[in-house]
Amino acid sequence: MLLGLRTAIYPAPDLAAAKAWYSTVLEVEPYFDQPFYVGYAVGGFELGLLPDGQPATAGPQPLWGVANIESAFARLLSLGATALEPVHEVGEGIKVAAVQDPFGNRLGLIENPHFDQAAVR
């Protein structure tokens, strides 16, 4: 039934500001850019910005893979994010962390040495 993660959508009441921030964070411009939705291609998945909705740090909590979680976490903080969950190991070399983006959403990170990119479909 479920084939795997495809898209994580973040509410963005100020779509222009969110688009500017995420373009800086992701170091890429959106591949889909409309007044009703902005979409970024991120490692075979999609990070979407939706102008309707209420930003929050509760609810579903996708984790975006990074190669070096300490540097990624520090970079997000330097770009205006706020620490929610500091970098910590959860076992077997897997590290997680989370920040709150400038718009009020939780942005989760994971460094997982066991992640099998070949299994993504």
C-alpha atoms as a PDB file:
ATOM      1  CA  MET A   1       0.000   0.000   0.000  1.00  0.00           C
ATOM      2  CA  LEU A   2       2.479   2.709   1.078  1.00  0.00           C
ATOM      3  CA  LEU A   3       5.435   2.984  -1.275  1.00  0.00           C
ATOM      4  CA  GLY A   4       7.547   5.350   0.832  1.00  0.00           C
ATOM      5  CA  LEU A   5       8.066   9.052   1.490  1.00  0.00           C
ATOM      6  CA  ARG A   6       7.407  11.238  -1.526  1.00  0.00           C
ATOM      7  CA  THR A   7       6.624  14.714  -0.195  1.00  0.00           C
ATOM      8  CA  ALA A   8       6.793  16.620   3.083  1.00  0.00           C
ATOM      9  CA  ILE A   9       4.641  19.754   3.037  1.00  0.00           C
ATOM     10  CA  TYR A  10       5.284  22.761   5.279  1.00  0.00           C
ATOM     11  CA  PRO A  11       2.698  25.505   5.858  1.00  0.00           C
ATOM     12  CA  ALA A  12       4.095  28.866   4.741  1.00  0.00           C
ATOM     13  CA  PRO A  13       1.729  31.799   5.369  1.00  0.00           C
ATOM     14  CA  ASP A  14       4.457  34.153   4.040  1.00  0.00           C
ATOM     15  CA  LEU A  15       5.226  32.160   0.917  1.00  0.00           C
ATOM     16  CA  ALA A  16       7.805  34.622  -0.456  1.00  0.00           C
ATOM     17  CA  ALA A  17       9.837  34.646   2.777  1.00  0.00           C
ATOM     18  CA  ALA A  18       9.606  30.854   3.127  1.00  0.00           C
ATOM     19  CA  LYS A  19      10.665  30.364  -0.498  1.00  0.00           C
ATOM     20  CA  ALA A  20      13.690  32.637   0.018  1.00  0.00           C
ATOM     21  CA  TRP A  21      14.708  30.829   3.233  1.00  0.00           C
ATOM     22  CA  TYR A  22      14.296  27.294   1.896  1.00  0.00           C
ATOM     23  CA  SER A  23      16.070  28.210  -1.373  1.00  0.00           C
ATOM     24  CA  THR A  24      19.027  29.302   0.764  1.00  0.00           C
ATOM     25  CA  VAL A  25      18.853  26.217   2.997  1.00  0.00           C
ATOM     26  CA  LEU A  26      18.554  23.783   0.097  1.00  0.00           C
ATOM     27  CA  GLU A  27      20.914  25.731  -2.171  1.00  0.00           C
ATOM     28  CA  VAL A  28      18.522  25.266  -5.086  1.00  0.00           C
ATOM     29  CA  GLU A  29      15.541  27.099  -6.540  1.00  0.00           C
ATOM     30  CA  PRO A  30      12.124  25.403  -6.576  1.00  0.00           C
ATOM     31  CA  TYR A  31      11.271  23.247  -9.572  1.00  0.00           C
ATOM     32  CA  PHE A  32       7.580  24.154  -9.158  1.00  0.00           C
ATOM     33  CA  ASP A  33       6.716  27.727  -8.188  1.00  0.00           C
ATOM     34  CA  GLN A  34       3.106  28.857  -8.136  1.00  0.00           C
ATOM     35  CA  PRO A  35       1.128  31.130  -5.784  1.00  0.00           C
ATOM     36  CA  PHE A  36      -0.688  28.064  -4.394  1.00  0.00           C
ATOM     37  CA  TYR A  37       2.351  25.762  -3.907  1.00  0.00           C
ATOM     38  CA  VAL A  38       6.150  25.765  -4.138  1.00  0.00           C
ATOM     39  CA  GLY A  39       8.003  22.466  -4.584  1.00  0.00           C
ATOM     40  CA  TYR A  40      11.686  21.584  -4.220  1.00  0.00           C
ATOM     41  CA  ALA A  41      13.343  18.377  -5.406  1.00  0.00           C
ATOM     42  CA  VAL A  42      15.443  17.064  -2.507  1.00  0.00           C
ATOM     43  CA  GLY A  43      17.320  13.822  -3.046  1.00  0.00           C
ATOM     44  CA  GLY A  44      14.516  12.145  -4.957  1.00  0.00           C
ATOM     45  CA  PHE A  45      11.797  13.450  -2.641  1.00  0.00           C
ATOM     46  CA  GLU A  46       9.869  16.703  -2.427  1.00  0.00           C
ATOM     47  CA  LEU A  47       9.773  19.461   0.147  1.00  0.00           C
ATOM     48  CA  GLY A  48       6.673  21.541  -0.473  1.00  0.00           C
ATOM     49  CA  LEU A  49       5.569  24.947   0.796  1.00  0.00           C
ATOM     50  CA  LEU A  50       1.840  25.587   1.133  1.00  0.00           C
ATOM     51  CA  PRO A  51       0.575  29.143   1.726  1.00  0.00           C
ATOM     52  CA  ASP A  52      -2.522  27.924   3.597  1.00  0.00           C
ATOM     53  CA  GLY A  53      -2.341  26.233   6.949  1.00  0.00           C
ATOM     54  CA  GLN A  54      -0.942  26.878  10.380  1.00  0.00           C
ATOM     55  CA  PRO A  55       2.766  26.251  11.023  1.00  0.00           C
ATOM     56  CA  ALA A  56       3.479  24.019  14.026  1.00  0.00           C
ATOM     57  CA  THR A  57       6.092  21.763  15.552  1.00  0.00           C
ATOM     58  CA  ALA A  58       3.627  19.011  16.522  1.00  0.00           C
ATOM     59  CA  GLY A  59       2.056  16.439  14.219  1.00  0.00           C
ATOM     60  CA  PRO A  60       3.895  14.403  11.564  1.00  0.00           C
ATOM     61  CA  GLN A  61       7.641  14.799  11.843  1.00  0.00           C
ATOM     62  CA  PRO A  62       9.549  13.818   8.698  1.00  0.00           C
ATOM     63  CA  LEU A  63      13.317  13.576   9.021  1.00  0.00           C
ATOM     64  CA  TRP A  64      15.489  14.792   6.152  1.00  0.00           C
ATOM     65  CA  GLY A  65      18.743  12.928   5.613  1.00  0.00           C
ATOM     66  CA  VAL A  66      22.054  14.772   5.922  1.00  0.00           C
ATOM     67  CA  ALA A  67      25.652  13.613   5.567  1.00  0.00           C
ATOM     68  CA  ASN A  68      26.935  15.500   8.618  1.00  0.00           C
ATOM     69  CA  ILE A  69      24.237  16.365  11.128  1.00  0.00           C
ATOM     70  CA  GLU A  70      26.406  18.599  13.312  1.00  0.00           C
ATOM     71  CA  SER A  71      27.299  20.918  10.427  1.00  0.00           C
ATOM     72  CA  ALA A  72      23.760  20.839   8.982  1.00  0.00           C
ATOM     73  CA  PHE A  73      22.277  21.705  12.389  1.00  0.00           C
ATOM     74  CA  ALA A  74      24.761  24.572  12.882  1.00  0.00           C
ATOM     75  CA  ARG A  75      24.060  25.912   9.380  1.00  0.00           C
ATOM     76  CA  LEU A  76      20.299  25.959   9.966  1.00  0.00           C
ATOM     77  CA  LEU A  77      20.804  27.851  13.230  1.00  0.00           C
ATOM     78  CA  SER A  78      23.050  30.365  11.440  1.00  0.00           C
ATOM     79  CA  LEU A  79      20.272  30.915   8.874  1.00  0.00           C
ATOM     80  CA  GLY A  80      17.722  31.837  11.535  1.00  0.00           C
ATOM     81  CA  ALA A  81      16.266  28.520  12.679  1.00  0.00           C
ATOM     82  CA  THR A  82      15.777  27.823  16.391  1.00  0.00           C
ATOM     83  CA  ALA A  83      16.977  24.630  18.076  1.00  0.00           C
ATOM     84  CA  LEU A  84      14.158  22.280  19.099  1.00  0.00           C
ATOM     85  CA  GLU A  85      16.068  19.041  19.601  1.00  0.00           C
ATOM     86  CA  PRO A  86      19.859  19.070  19.791  1.00  0.00           C
ATOM     87  CA  VAL A  87      21.927  16.544  17.863  1.00  0.00           C
ATOM     88  CA  HIS A  88      21.929  13.248  19.700  1.00  0.00           C
ATOM     89  CA  GLU A  89      22.559   9.595  18.918  1.00  0.00           C
ATOM     90  CA  VAL A  90      19.567   7.282  19.108  1.00  0.00           C
ATOM     91  CA  GLY A  91      21.523   4.040  18.686  1.00  0.00           C
ATOM     92  CA  GLU A  92      23.613   2.155  16.141  1.00  0.00           C
ATOM     93  CA  GLY A  93      25.313   5.338  14.948  1.00  0.00           C
ATOM     94  CA  ILE A  94      22.066   7.059  13.971  1.00  0.00           C
ATOM     95  CA  LYS A  95      21.850  10.726  14.947  1.00  0.00           C
ATOM     96  CA  VAL A  96      18.793  12.993  14.903  1.00  0.00           C
ATOM     97  CA  ALA A  97      18.069  16.659  15.559  1.00  0.00           C
ATOM     98  CA  ALA A  98      15.342  19.197  14.861  1.00  0.00           C
ATOM     99  CA  VAL A  99      14.973  22.929  14.435  1.00  0.00           C
ATOM    100  CA  GLN A 100      12.048  25.273  14.145  1.00  0.00           C
ATOM    101  CA  ASP A 101      12.184  27.142  10.843  1.00  0.00           C
ATOM    102  CA  PRO A 102      11.594  30.919  10.925  1.00  0.00           C
ATOM    103  CA  PHE A 103       7.936  30.280  10.088  1.00  0.00           C
ATOM    104  CA  GLY A 104       7.096  27.990  13.025  1.00  0.00           C
ATOM    105  CA  ASN A 105       7.494  24.509  11.473  1.00  0.00           C
ATOM    106  CA  ARG A 106       9.568  21.622  12.769  1.00  0.00           C
ATOM    107  CA  LEU A 107      12.376  20.623  10.370  1.00  0.00           C
ATOM    108  CA  GLY A 108      13.827  17.261  11.372  1.00  0.00           C
ATOM    109  CA  LEU A 109      17.273  15.943  10.419  1.00  0.00           C
ATOM    110  CA  ILE A 110      18.744  12.455  10.451  1.00  0.00           C
ATOM    111  CA  GLU A 111      22.225  11.093   9.807  1.00  0.00           C
ATOM    112  CA  ASN A 112      21.714   7.388   9.286  1.00  0.00           C
ATOM    113  CA  PRO A 113      24.714   5.310   8.184  1.00  0.00           C
ATOM    114  CA  HIS A 114      22.368   2.354   7.579  1.00  0.00           C
ATOM    115  CA  PHE A 115      20.071   4.131   5.095  1.00  0.00           C
ATOM    116  CA  ASP A 116      19.957   2.167   1.844  1.00  0.00           C
ATOM    117  CA  GLN A 117      19.559   4.664  -1.011  1.00  0.00           C
ATOM    118  CA  ALA A 118      19.099   1.765  -3.432  1.00  0.00           C
ATOM    119  CA  ALA A 119      15.894   0.761  -1.617  1.00  0.00           C
ATOM    120  CA  VAL A 120      14.207   4.090  -2.433  1.00  0.00           C
ATOM    121  CA  ARG A 121      11.533   3.655  -5.058  1.00  0.00           C
END
